Each structure stands twice: as structure tokens, then as C-alpha cells.
Amino acid sequence: TNAYKFSWLPDVSLADVTTTCKFKFLDNASSDVTGADVEPANMMLRVQDVNNYYMCRVELHADQTVTASLHVVGGAGSIGSATVSGLTYSGQWLRVKAQAVGTTIRMRVWEDGDTEPSTWDVTATDSAITAAGAVGIRSGVATGNTNTSPTFYYDDFTIDTAYRFHGEVESWPQRWS
């Protein structure tokens, strides 16, 4: 308990970035979270070093609810949190999307196989870390968690730069023949 492991891609250096992955948590006995929280897929954005980055945290609670929260590691701490409406964890694959664009940090969590929600679960504005940095993932269990041999599974981890425009251009004007 109270143990966390993280990995990041040091050769990736992005300020505006979107990351997505799917994940699940299991221990040897069940998919239930026992005791304190489990954090299976915390997305790390703008990683400057092991002590300074934005963390978009997914928390699975003993009552099987899911919380999405935003943190400045090495800074102000929590900058936003929300319980993910309508989502109960029972061992299924979940997806998380985290994004940092300018001073806006946001994330959403949904069940794999469902349509990605159009709204963000939690959004915050913060300017503590504006420099480009690495991207990664951090997982762990909080003090008081009683799961035995917790295992975290990941798949489909993607990194995208933030787009200035995403949409349709109906037609382009002709400049020359």
C-alpha cells in the first residue's frame, strides 16, 4: 500500500498534448477495490522531472465509484475533482483521455466500448507548468488498500498533439488554375 510506479517517455516533449489509454485493475481474488483507493491510470502531462508534472488521476473507490481529478505534482496539489457520473467499476476495461492545451487541463473517463463522451468530467485552468515536457502514466494503491497483488493492465496508449482546428472545410477557394 501507498506505493506508486510510473513510466514516462523522456524523448517526447510536448506542451499541448492529448493522451488516451484503456485500462483495468484486478487483484488475485476479484475486481473489487478493498480498503482504500486504487489509482490504475494516472496520466502524466508536461513532465519536467519525477517531482513536477500535471497528473490526471483516475481513482477507483471501495464503493466501486470512479473519480476523475487533476493535480499539480510539486505545486498546488489538487486543482479539480469530480465523481464520474453513471460509472461503476466492476473489473471492465475503462478509457481515460487527458489533455493539456495552454492553461487548460482536463480529462474524462468512460467504459470501453461506449461512445466517447462529448463533455469533460473535470476541467481546470492552471499556469504552474507551461513548458513542454514528457508524457507518461502512473499507477498505485493508497494507504489502507487491502487488495492482494494488484495488477494494472493498459492497452491502446496514444499521444496526440493538440490541434488548432478540428472540423470540416466545405470548400477551398481556388487561387489559380
N, C-alpha and C. Protein backbone atom coordinates (compact mmCIF):
# COMPACT_ATOMS: atom_id res chain seq x y z
N THR A 1 0.84 -1.19 0.00
CA THR A 1 0.00 0.00 0.00
C THR A 1 0.87 1.24 0.00
N ASN A 2 0.26 2.33 -0.36
CA ASN A 2 0.96 3.61 -0.52
C ASN A 2 2.19 3.45 -1.40
N ALA A 3 2.02 2.73 -2.50
CA ALA A 3 3.11 2.51 -3.44
C ALA A 3 2.64 2.88 -4.83
N TYR A 4 3.53 3.54 -5.57
CA TYR A 4 3.19 4.01 -6.91
C TYR A 4 4.35 3.74 -7.84
N LYS A 5 4.04 3.39 -9.06
CA LYS A 5 5.05 3.20 -10.09
C LYS A 5 4.66 4.05 -11.28
N PHE A 6 5.65 4.61 -11.94
CA PHE A 6 5.34 5.40 -13.12
C PHE A 6 6.39 5.22 -14.18
N SER A 7 5.95 5.46 -15.39
CA SER A 7 6.82 5.40 -16.57
C SER A 7 6.47 6.59 -17.44
N TRP A 8 7.48 7.17 -18.05
CA TRP A 8 7.21 8.24 -18.99
C TRP A 8 8.17 8.14 -20.16
N LEU A 9 7.81 8.83 -21.23
CA LEU A 9 8.60 8.82 -22.45
C LEU A 9 9.46 10.09 -22.45
N PRO A 10 10.73 10.00 -22.06
CA PRO A 10 11.56 11.20 -21.92
C PRO A 10 11.88 11.87 -23.25
N ASP A 11 11.79 11.14 -24.35
CA ASP A 11 12.10 11.74 -25.66
C ASP A 11 10.91 12.50 -26.26
N VAL A 12 9.76 12.39 -25.61
CA VAL A 12 8.58 13.15 -26.04
C VAL A 12 8.58 14.44 -25.24
N SER A 13 8.48 15.57 -25.93
CA SER A 13 8.45 16.85 -25.24
C SER A 13 7.35 17.71 -25.87
N LEU A 14 6.20 17.75 -25.18
CA LEU A 14 5.04 18.45 -25.70
C LEU A 14 4.44 19.35 -24.63
N ALA A 15 3.98 20.52 -25.03
CA ALA A 15 3.25 21.39 -24.12
C ALA A 15 1.75 21.17 -24.31
N ASP A 16 1.29 21.18 -25.55
CA ASP A 16 -0.11 20.92 -25.86
C ASP A 16 -0.22 19.48 -26.31
N VAL A 17 -0.95 18.67 -25.53
CA VAL A 17 -0.96 17.23 -25.78
C VAL A 17 -2.28 16.62 -25.31
N THR A 18 -2.67 15.55 -25.99
CA THR A 18 -3.81 14.73 -25.59
C THR A 18 -3.34 13.29 -25.50
N THR A 19 -3.64 12.62 -24.40
CA THR A 19 -3.29 11.20 -24.24
C THR A 19 -4.56 10.41 -23.98
N THR A 20 -4.56 9.18 -24.45
CA THR A 20 -5.69 8.29 -24.24
C THR A 20 -5.15 6.89 -23.99
N CYS A 21 -5.80 6.15 -23.10
CA CYS A 21 -5.50 4.73 -22.97
C CYS A 21 -6.69 4.02 -22.37
N LYS A 22 -6.71 2.71 -22.53
CA LYS A 22 -7.71 1.92 -21.82
C LYS A 22 -6.99 1.13 -20.75
N PHE A 23 -7.71 0.83 -19.66
CA PHE A 23 -7.07 0.19 -18.52
C PHE A 23 -8.08 -0.62 -17.73
N LYS A 24 -7.56 -1.51 -16.89
CA LYS A 24 -8.38 -2.18 -15.89
C LYS A 24 -7.49 -2.60 -14.73
N PHE A 25 -8.13 -2.90 -13.62
CA PHE A 25 -7.44 -3.29 -12.40
C PHE A 25 -8.01 -4.61 -11.92
N LEU A 26 -7.14 -5.51 -11.51
CA LEU A 26 -7.57 -6.77 -10.89
C LEU A 26 -6.57 -7.14 -9.81
N ASP A 27 -7.05 -7.82 -8.78
CA ASP A 27 -6.11 -8.48 -7.88
C ASP A 27 -6.28 -9.98 -8.08
N ASN A 28 -5.63 -10.78 -7.27
CA ASN A 28 -5.71 -12.23 -7.47
C ASN A 28 -7.08 -12.80 -7.17
N ALA A 29 -7.87 -12.09 -6.36
CA ALA A 29 -9.15 -12.65 -5.93
C ALA A 29 -10.35 -12.08 -6.68
N SER A 30 -10.32 -10.80 -7.02
CA SER A 30 -11.51 -10.20 -7.61
C SER A 30 -11.16 -8.89 -8.30
N SER A 31 -12.20 -8.24 -8.81
CA SER A 31 -12.02 -6.93 -9.41
C SER A 31 -12.47 -5.83 -8.46
N ASP A 32 -12.88 -6.20 -7.25
CA ASP A 32 -13.33 -5.22 -6.27
C ASP A 32 -12.15 -4.49 -5.64
N VAL A 33 -12.34 -3.21 -5.39
CA VAL A 33 -11.37 -2.42 -4.66
C VAL A 33 -11.69 -2.59 -3.18
N THR A 34 -10.70 -2.97 -2.38
CA THR A 34 -10.93 -3.16 -0.95
C THR A 34 -10.03 -2.23 -0.15
N GLY A 35 -10.59 -1.73 0.94
CA GLY A 35 -9.84 -0.77 1.76
C GLY A 35 -9.83 0.58 1.08
N ALA A 36 -8.67 1.14 0.90
CA ALA A 36 -8.54 2.48 0.31
C ALA A 36 -8.51 2.41 -1.22
N ASP A 37 -8.38 3.58 -1.83
CA ASP A 37 -8.47 3.74 -3.28
C ASP A 37 -7.35 3.04 -4.04
N VAL A 38 -7.63 2.80 -5.30
CA VAL A 38 -6.66 2.32 -6.27
C VAL A 38 -6.60 3.37 -7.38
N GLU A 39 -5.41 3.66 -7.86
CA GLU A 39 -5.22 4.62 -8.94
C GLU A 39 -4.58 3.89 -10.12
N PRO A 40 -5.40 3.31 -10.99
CA PRO A 40 -4.86 2.46 -12.06
C PRO A 40 -4.26 3.19 -13.25
N ALA A 41 -4.72 4.40 -13.53
CA ALA A 41 -4.26 5.04 -14.77
C ALA A 41 -4.21 6.55 -14.59
N ASN A 42 -3.14 7.03 -13.97
CA ASN A 42 -2.94 8.46 -13.82
C ASN A 42 -2.09 8.94 -14.97
N MET A 43 -2.67 9.77 -15.82
CA MET A 43 -1.93 10.28 -16.97
C MET A 43 -1.04 11.44 -16.53
N MET A 44 0.23 11.38 -16.91
CA MET A 44 1.21 12.41 -16.56
C MET A 44 1.46 13.28 -17.79
N LEU A 45 1.25 14.58 -17.65
CA LEU A 45 1.43 15.51 -18.75
C LEU A 45 2.45 16.57 -18.38
N ARG A 46 3.21 17.05 -19.37
CA ARG A 46 4.23 18.08 -19.17
C ARG A 46 5.21 17.73 -18.05
N VAL A 47 5.68 16.48 -18.07
CA VAL A 47 6.60 16.00 -17.04
C VAL A 47 7.93 16.73 -17.17
N GLN A 48 8.29 17.49 -16.14
CA GLN A 48 9.58 18.17 -16.10
C GLN A 48 10.62 17.27 -15.44
N ASP A 49 10.22 16.57 -14.38
CA ASP A 49 11.03 15.57 -13.68
C ASP A 49 10.07 14.79 -12.79
N VAL A 50 10.57 13.86 -11.98
CA VAL A 50 9.70 13.00 -11.18
C VAL A 50 8.89 13.76 -10.14
N ASN A 51 9.23 15.01 -9.88
CA ASN A 51 8.54 15.79 -8.86
C ASN A 51 7.71 16.95 -9.40
N ASN A 52 7.65 17.14 -10.72
CA ASN A 52 6.95 18.28 -11.30
C ASN A 52 6.25 17.89 -12.59
N TYR A 53 4.91 17.80 -12.53
CA TYR A 53 4.11 17.47 -13.71
C TYR A 53 2.62 17.63 -13.37
N TYR A 54 1.80 17.63 -14.41
CA TYR A 54 0.36 17.56 -14.21
C TYR A 54 -0.04 16.09 -14.17
N MET A 55 -0.92 15.75 -13.22
CA MET A 55 -1.40 14.38 -13.12
C MET A 55 -2.93 14.39 -13.23
N CYS A 56 -3.42 13.65 -14.20
CA CYS A 56 -4.85 13.47 -14.39
C CYS A 56 -5.17 12.10 -13.80
N ARG A 57 -5.72 12.12 -12.59
CA ARG A 57 -5.84 10.91 -11.77
C ARG A 57 -7.21 10.25 -11.91
N VAL A 58 -7.19 8.92 -12.12
CA VAL A 58 -8.39 8.10 -12.07
C VAL A 58 -8.34 7.33 -10.76
N GLU A 59 -9.37 7.52 -9.93
CA GLU A 59 -9.42 6.82 -8.64
C GLU A 59 -10.60 5.86 -8.62
N LEU A 60 -10.34 4.60 -8.29
CA LEU A 60 -11.39 3.62 -8.08
C LEU A 60 -11.55 3.47 -6.58
N HIS A 61 -12.77 3.60 -6.09
CA HIS A 61 -13.04 3.57 -4.66
C HIS A 61 -13.64 2.23 -4.23
N ALA A 62 -13.61 1.96 -2.93
CA ALA A 62 -14.13 0.70 -2.40
C ALA A 62 -15.61 0.52 -2.69
N ASP A 63 -16.36 1.62 -2.85
CA ASP A 63 -17.78 1.51 -3.20
C ASP A 63 -17.97 1.39 -4.72
N GLN A 64 -16.87 1.20 -5.45
CA GLN A 64 -16.81 0.97 -6.89
C GLN A 64 -17.14 2.22 -7.72
N THR A 65 -17.23 3.39 -7.09
CA THR A 65 -17.38 4.63 -7.85
C THR A 65 -16.03 5.03 -8.42
N VAL A 66 -16.07 5.91 -9.41
CA VAL A 66 -14.86 6.36 -10.11
C VAL A 66 -14.78 7.88 -10.00
N THR A 67 -13.61 8.38 -9.64
CA THR A 67 -13.39 9.82 -9.56
C THR A 67 -12.31 10.22 -10.55
N ALA A 68 -12.51 11.35 -11.20
CA ALA A 68 -11.51 11.96 -12.08
C ALA A 68 -11.02 13.21 -11.37
N SER A 69 -9.70 13.36 -11.23
CA SER A 69 -9.17 14.55 -10.55
C SER A 69 -7.89 15.03 -11.21
N LEU A 70 -7.64 16.32 -11.08
CA LEU A 70 -6.47 16.96 -11.67
C LEU A 70 -5.56 17.47 -10.56
N HIS A 71 -4.25 17.27 -10.75
CA HIS A 71 -3.28 17.66 -9.72
C HIS A 71 -2.04 18.29 -10.36
N VAL A 72 -1.43 19.20 -9.62
CA VAL A 72 -0.13 19.74 -9.98
C VAL A 72 0.86 19.11 -9.01
N VAL A 73 1.60 18.10 -9.46
CA VAL A 73 2.58 17.44 -8.62
C VAL A 73 3.77 18.37 -8.49
N GLY A 74 4.14 18.66 -7.24
CA GLY A 74 5.22 19.60 -6.99
C GLY A 74 4.74 21.03 -6.93
N GLY A 75 3.43 21.21 -6.93
CA GLY A 75 2.87 22.56 -6.93
C GLY A 75 1.66 22.65 -6.02
N ALA A 76 0.58 23.19 -6.53
CA ALA A 76 -0.62 23.49 -5.75
C ALA A 76 -1.38 22.25 -5.27
N GLY A 77 -1.07 21.08 -5.78
CA GLY A 77 -1.83 19.88 -5.42
C GLY A 77 -3.07 19.77 -6.27
N SER A 78 -4.22 19.45 -5.63
CA SER A 78 -5.47 19.25 -6.36
C SER A 78 -5.98 20.56 -6.95
N ILE A 79 -6.34 20.52 -8.24
CA ILE A 79 -6.91 21.71 -8.89
C ILE A 79 -8.30 21.43 -9.44
N GLY A 80 -8.83 20.22 -9.20
CA GLY A 80 -10.18 19.90 -9.65
C GLY A 80 -10.48 18.43 -9.48
N SER A 81 -11.75 18.11 -9.18
CA SER A 81 -12.13 16.72 -8.96
C SER A 81 -13.63 16.56 -9.20
N ALA A 82 -14.03 15.39 -9.71
CA ALA A 82 -15.45 15.10 -9.90
C ALA A 82 -15.66 13.59 -9.94
N THR A 83 -16.77 13.15 -9.36
CA THR A 83 -17.17 11.75 -9.49
C THR A 83 -17.71 11.57 -10.91
N VAL A 84 -17.28 10.51 -11.57
CA VAL A 84 -17.72 10.25 -12.94
C VAL A 84 -19.15 9.72 -12.89
N SER A 85 -20.05 10.50 -13.40
CA SER A 85 -21.48 10.20 -13.33
C SER A 85 -21.83 8.92 -14.09
N GLY A 86 -22.59 8.05 -13.43
CA GLY A 86 -23.10 6.84 -14.08
C GLY A 86 -22.09 5.73 -14.30
N LEU A 87 -20.88 5.85 -13.75
CA LEU A 87 -19.86 4.84 -13.98
C LEU A 87 -19.55 4.09 -12.68
N THR A 88 -19.69 2.78 -12.71
CA THR A 88 -19.36 1.92 -11.58
C THR A 88 -18.34 0.91 -12.05
N TYR A 89 -17.26 0.73 -11.28
CA TYR A 89 -16.20 -0.18 -11.70
C TYR A 89 -16.48 -1.60 -11.21
N SER A 90 -16.44 -2.57 -12.15
CA SER A 90 -16.64 -3.97 -11.78
C SER A 90 -15.68 -4.88 -12.54
N GLY A 91 -14.49 -4.37 -12.83
CA GLY A 91 -13.48 -5.18 -13.49
C GLY A 91 -13.41 -5.00 -14.99
N GLN A 92 -14.27 -4.18 -15.57
CA GLN A 92 -14.28 -3.98 -17.01
C GLN A 92 -13.17 -3.02 -17.44
N TRP A 93 -12.86 -3.03 -18.72
CA TRP A 93 -11.93 -2.06 -19.28
C TRP A 93 -12.58 -0.68 -19.27
N LEU A 94 -11.83 0.32 -18.85
CA LEU A 94 -12.26 1.72 -18.90
C LEU A 94 -11.29 2.48 -19.79
N ARG A 95 -11.71 3.62 -20.28
CA ARG A 95 -10.85 4.51 -21.06
C ARG A 95 -10.72 5.84 -20.33
N VAL A 96 -9.54 6.44 -20.48
CA VAL A 96 -9.29 7.77 -19.94
C VAL A 96 -8.65 8.61 -21.03
N LYS A 97 -9.09 9.86 -21.11
CA LYS A 97 -8.47 10.82 -22.02
C LYS A 97 -8.09 12.03 -21.18
N ALA A 98 -6.84 12.46 -21.32
CA ALA A 98 -6.34 13.63 -20.59
C ALA A 98 -5.75 14.61 -21.59
N GLN A 99 -5.91 15.90 -21.31
CA GLN A 99 -5.47 16.91 -22.27
C GLN A 99 -4.93 18.14 -21.55
N ALA A 100 -3.84 18.65 -22.08
CA ALA A 100 -3.29 19.94 -21.64
C ALA A 100 -3.13 20.80 -22.89
N VAL A 101 -3.85 21.92 -22.93
CA VAL A 101 -3.76 22.86 -24.04
C VAL A 101 -3.70 24.26 -23.42
N GLY A 102 -2.57 24.93 -23.62
CA GLY A 102 -2.40 26.24 -22.99
C GLY A 102 -2.46 26.09 -21.48
N THR A 103 -3.37 26.81 -20.85
CA THR A 103 -3.52 26.71 -19.39
C THR A 103 -4.70 25.84 -18.99
N THR A 104 -5.32 25.17 -19.95
CA THR A 104 -6.46 24.30 -19.67
C THR A 104 -6.01 22.85 -19.55
N ILE A 105 -6.36 22.23 -18.41
CA ILE A 105 -6.07 20.82 -18.15
C ILE A 105 -7.43 20.16 -17.94
N ARG A 106 -7.68 19.02 -18.61
CA ARG A 106 -8.98 18.37 -18.47
C ARG A 106 -8.88 16.88 -18.75
N MET A 107 -9.91 16.17 -18.30
CA MET A 107 -9.93 14.72 -18.51
C MET A 107 -11.36 14.19 -18.47
N ARG A 108 -11.51 12.99 -19.07
CA ARG A 108 -12.77 12.26 -18.99
C ARG A 108 -12.48 10.77 -18.92
N VAL A 109 -13.43 10.03 -18.33
CA VAL A 109 -13.31 8.58 -18.15
C VAL A 109 -14.64 7.96 -18.58
N TRP A 110 -14.58 6.85 -19.31
CA TRP A 110 -15.79 6.17 -19.74
C TRP A 110 -15.51 4.69 -19.92
N GLU A 111 -16.57 3.90 -20.04
CA GLU A 111 -16.43 2.46 -20.22
C GLU A 111 -16.01 2.16 -21.65
N ASP A 112 -15.00 1.29 -21.79
CA ASP A 112 -14.54 0.88 -23.11
C ASP A 112 -15.69 0.23 -23.86
N GLY A 113 -15.82 0.58 -25.13
CA GLY A 113 -16.91 0.06 -25.95
C GLY A 113 -18.06 1.04 -26.07
N ASP A 114 -18.19 1.95 -25.10
CA ASP A 114 -19.20 3.00 -25.20
C ASP A 114 -18.66 4.14 -26.06
N THR A 115 -19.54 4.96 -26.56
CA THR A 115 -19.14 6.14 -27.31
C THR A 115 -18.43 7.12 -26.37
N GLU A 116 -17.35 7.70 -26.84
CA GLU A 116 -16.63 8.67 -26.01
C GLU A 116 -17.55 9.86 -25.71
N PRO A 117 -17.63 10.24 -24.43
CA PRO A 117 -18.48 11.39 -24.07
C PRO A 117 -18.00 12.66 -24.76
N SER A 118 -18.92 13.56 -25.00
CA SER A 118 -18.56 14.84 -25.63
C SER A 118 -18.18 15.90 -24.59
N THR A 119 -18.45 15.61 -23.32
CA THR A 119 -18.10 16.56 -22.26
C THR A 119 -16.97 16.00 -21.41
N TRP A 120 -16.23 16.90 -20.76
CA TRP A 120 -15.13 16.53 -19.88
C TRP A 120 -15.66 16.32 -18.47
N ASP A 121 -15.15 15.32 -17.75
CA ASP A 121 -15.56 15.10 -16.36
C ASP A 121 -15.03 16.19 -15.44
N VAL A 122 -13.83 16.66 -15.71
CA VAL A 122 -13.24 17.71 -14.87
C VAL A 122 -12.32 18.57 -15.73
N THR A 123 -12.38 19.88 -15.51
CA THR A 123 -11.57 20.85 -16.24
C THR A 123 -11.03 21.87 -15.26
N ALA A 124 -9.79 22.28 -15.43
CA ALA A 124 -9.19 23.32 -14.59
C ALA A 124 -8.31 24.21 -15.44
N THR A 125 -8.11 25.41 -14.95
CA THR A 125 -7.17 26.35 -15.57
C THR A 125 -6.01 26.53 -14.61
N ASP A 126 -4.80 26.33 -15.11
CA ASP A 126 -3.62 26.44 -14.26
C ASP A 126 -2.42 26.80 -15.13
N SER A 127 -1.54 27.64 -14.60
CA SER A 127 -0.35 28.04 -15.35
C SER A 127 0.94 27.69 -14.64
N ALA A 128 0.90 26.72 -13.73
CA ALA A 128 2.09 26.34 -12.98
C ALA A 128 3.16 25.73 -13.88
N ILE A 129 2.75 24.93 -14.86
CA ILE A 129 3.70 24.28 -15.77
C ILE A 129 3.27 24.60 -17.19
N THR A 130 3.99 25.46 -17.86
CA THR A 130 3.66 25.82 -19.23
C THR A 130 4.67 25.26 -20.23
N ALA A 131 5.83 24.85 -19.75
CA ALA A 131 6.87 24.33 -20.63
C ALA A 131 6.50 22.95 -21.15
N ALA A 132 7.00 22.65 -22.33
CA ALA A 132 6.82 21.31 -22.89
C ALA A 132 7.49 20.29 -21.96
N GLY A 133 6.95 19.10 -21.94
CA GLY A 133 7.51 18.05 -21.09
C GLY A 133 7.12 16.68 -21.60
N ALA A 134 7.62 15.68 -20.92
CA ALA A 134 7.37 14.30 -21.28
C ALA A 134 5.93 13.91 -20.95
N VAL A 135 5.53 12.73 -21.40
CA VAL A 135 4.20 12.18 -21.17
C VAL A 135 4.38 10.79 -20.58
N GLY A 136 3.51 10.42 -19.64
CA GLY A 136 3.63 9.10 -19.06
C GLY A 136 2.38 8.66 -18.34
N ILE A 137 2.54 7.58 -17.56
CA ILE A 137 1.44 7.01 -16.80
C ILE A 137 1.94 6.58 -15.43
N ARG A 138 1.10 6.75 -14.42
CA ARG A 138 1.45 6.39 -13.04
C ARG A 138 0.31 5.58 -12.44
N SER A 139 0.64 4.51 -11.74
CA SER A 139 -0.37 3.65 -11.11
C SER A 139 0.03 3.35 -9.68
N GLY A 140 -0.96 3.08 -8.84
CA GLY A 140 -0.63 2.73 -7.47
C GLY A 140 -1.83 2.47 -6.61
N VAL A 141 -1.55 2.19 -5.34
CA VAL A 141 -2.58 1.94 -4.35
C VAL A 141 -2.33 2.85 -3.15
N ALA A 142 -3.40 3.37 -2.57
CA ALA A 142 -3.31 4.30 -1.45
C ALA A 142 -3.11 3.55 -0.14
N THR A 143 -2.64 4.27 0.87
CA THR A 143 -2.51 3.72 2.21
C THR A 143 -3.87 3.21 2.67
N GLY A 144 -3.91 1.99 3.18
CA GLY A 144 -5.17 1.40 3.64
C GLY A 144 -5.80 0.45 2.64
N ASN A 145 -5.27 0.38 1.42
CA ASN A 145 -5.80 -0.55 0.44
C ASN A 145 -5.41 -1.96 0.86
N THR A 146 -6.36 -2.90 0.74
CA THR A 146 -6.11 -4.27 1.17
C THR A 146 -6.17 -5.29 0.04
N ASN A 147 -6.16 -4.83 -1.20
CA ASN A 147 -6.11 -5.77 -2.32
C ASN A 147 -4.77 -6.51 -2.30
N THR A 148 -4.81 -7.80 -2.65
CA THR A 148 -3.58 -8.58 -2.68
C THR A 148 -3.05 -8.65 -4.09
N SER A 149 -1.78 -8.39 -4.26
CA SER A 149 -1.12 -8.45 -5.56
C SER A 149 -1.89 -7.74 -6.65
N PRO A 150 -2.16 -6.44 -6.47
CA PRO A 150 -2.90 -5.72 -7.51
C PRO A 150 -2.13 -5.70 -8.83
N THR A 151 -2.86 -5.84 -9.92
CA THR A 151 -2.28 -5.82 -11.25
C THR A 151 -3.02 -4.78 -12.07
N PHE A 152 -2.26 -3.96 -12.80
CA PHE A 152 -2.84 -2.94 -13.65
C PHE A 152 -2.57 -3.31 -15.10
N TYR A 153 -3.60 -3.25 -15.92
CA TYR A 153 -3.49 -3.58 -17.34
C TYR A 153 -3.73 -2.32 -18.16
N TYR A 154 -2.93 -2.14 -19.23
CA TYR A 154 -3.07 -1.00 -20.13
C TYR A 154 -3.09 -1.49 -21.56
N ASP A 155 -3.75 -0.71 -22.40
CA ASP A 155 -3.76 -1.01 -23.83
C ASP A 155 -4.11 0.28 -24.57
N ASP A 156 -3.76 0.34 -25.83
CA ASP A 156 -4.12 1.46 -26.71
C ASP A 156 -3.66 2.82 -26.18
N PHE A 157 -2.48 2.91 -25.64
CA PHE A 157 -1.95 4.19 -25.16
C PHE A 157 -1.56 5.04 -26.37
N THR A 158 -2.15 6.22 -26.49
CA THR A 158 -1.84 7.09 -27.62
C THR A 158 -1.47 8.48 -27.12
N ILE A 159 -0.65 9.15 -27.90
CA ILE A 159 -0.27 10.53 -27.62
C ILE A 159 -0.53 11.33 -28.89
N ASP A 160 -1.30 12.39 -28.75
CA ASP A 160 -1.59 13.27 -29.88
C ASP A 160 -1.26 14.69 -29.46
N THR A 161 -0.74 15.44 -30.40
CA THR A 161 -0.58 16.86 -30.12
C THR A 161 -1.94 17.52 -30.25
N ALA A 162 -2.12 18.61 -29.56
CA ALA A 162 -3.39 19.32 -29.62
C ALA A 162 -3.54 19.99 -30.98
N TYR A 163 -4.71 19.93 -31.51
CA TYR A 163 -4.98 20.52 -32.81
C TYR A 163 -5.48 21.94 -32.65
N ARG A 164 -5.06 22.82 -33.54
CA ARG A 164 -5.60 24.18 -33.53
C ARG A 164 -6.99 24.20 -34.14
N PHE A 165 -7.24 23.27 -35.05
CA PHE A 165 -8.55 23.19 -35.68
C PHE A 165 -8.88 21.72 -35.94
N HIS A 166 -10.10 21.35 -35.67
CA HIS A 166 -10.58 20.02 -35.99
C HIS A 166 -12.00 20.20 -36.50
N GLY A 167 -12.21 19.93 -37.75
CA GLY A 167 -13.53 20.13 -38.31
C GLY A 167 -13.52 19.91 -39.80
N GLU A 168 -14.57 20.40 -40.46
CA GLU A 168 -14.72 20.19 -41.89
C GLU A 168 -14.60 21.53 -42.61
N VAL A 169 -13.88 21.51 -43.71
CA VAL A 169 -13.82 22.67 -44.60
C VAL A 169 -14.67 22.30 -45.81
N GLU A 170 -15.75 23.02 -45.99
CA GLU A 170 -16.69 22.68 -47.05
C GLU A 170 -16.08 22.82 -48.43
N SER A 171 -15.32 23.88 -48.64
CA SER A 171 -14.61 24.04 -49.92
C SER A 171 -13.45 25.01 -49.73
N TRP A 172 -12.44 24.83 -50.55
CA TRP A 172 -11.28 25.73 -50.53
C TRP A 172 -11.40 26.68 -51.73
N PRO A 173 -11.13 27.96 -51.54
CA PRO A 173 -11.19 28.88 -52.68
C PRO A 173 -10.07 28.58 -53.66
N GLN A 174 -10.40 28.68 -54.95
CA GLN A 174 -9.41 28.44 -55.98
C GLN A 174 -8.55 29.70 -56.14
N ARG A 175 -7.23 29.56 -56.10
CA ARG A 175 -6.33 30.70 -56.24
C ARG A 175 -5.76 30.82 -57.65
N TRP A 176 -5.59 29.72 -58.33
CA TRP A 176 -5.10 29.71 -59.70
C TRP A 176 -5.57 28.45 -60.39
N SER A 177 -5.51 28.43 -61.68
CA SER A 177 -5.97 27.26 -62.43
C SER A 177 -4.82 26.30 -62.62
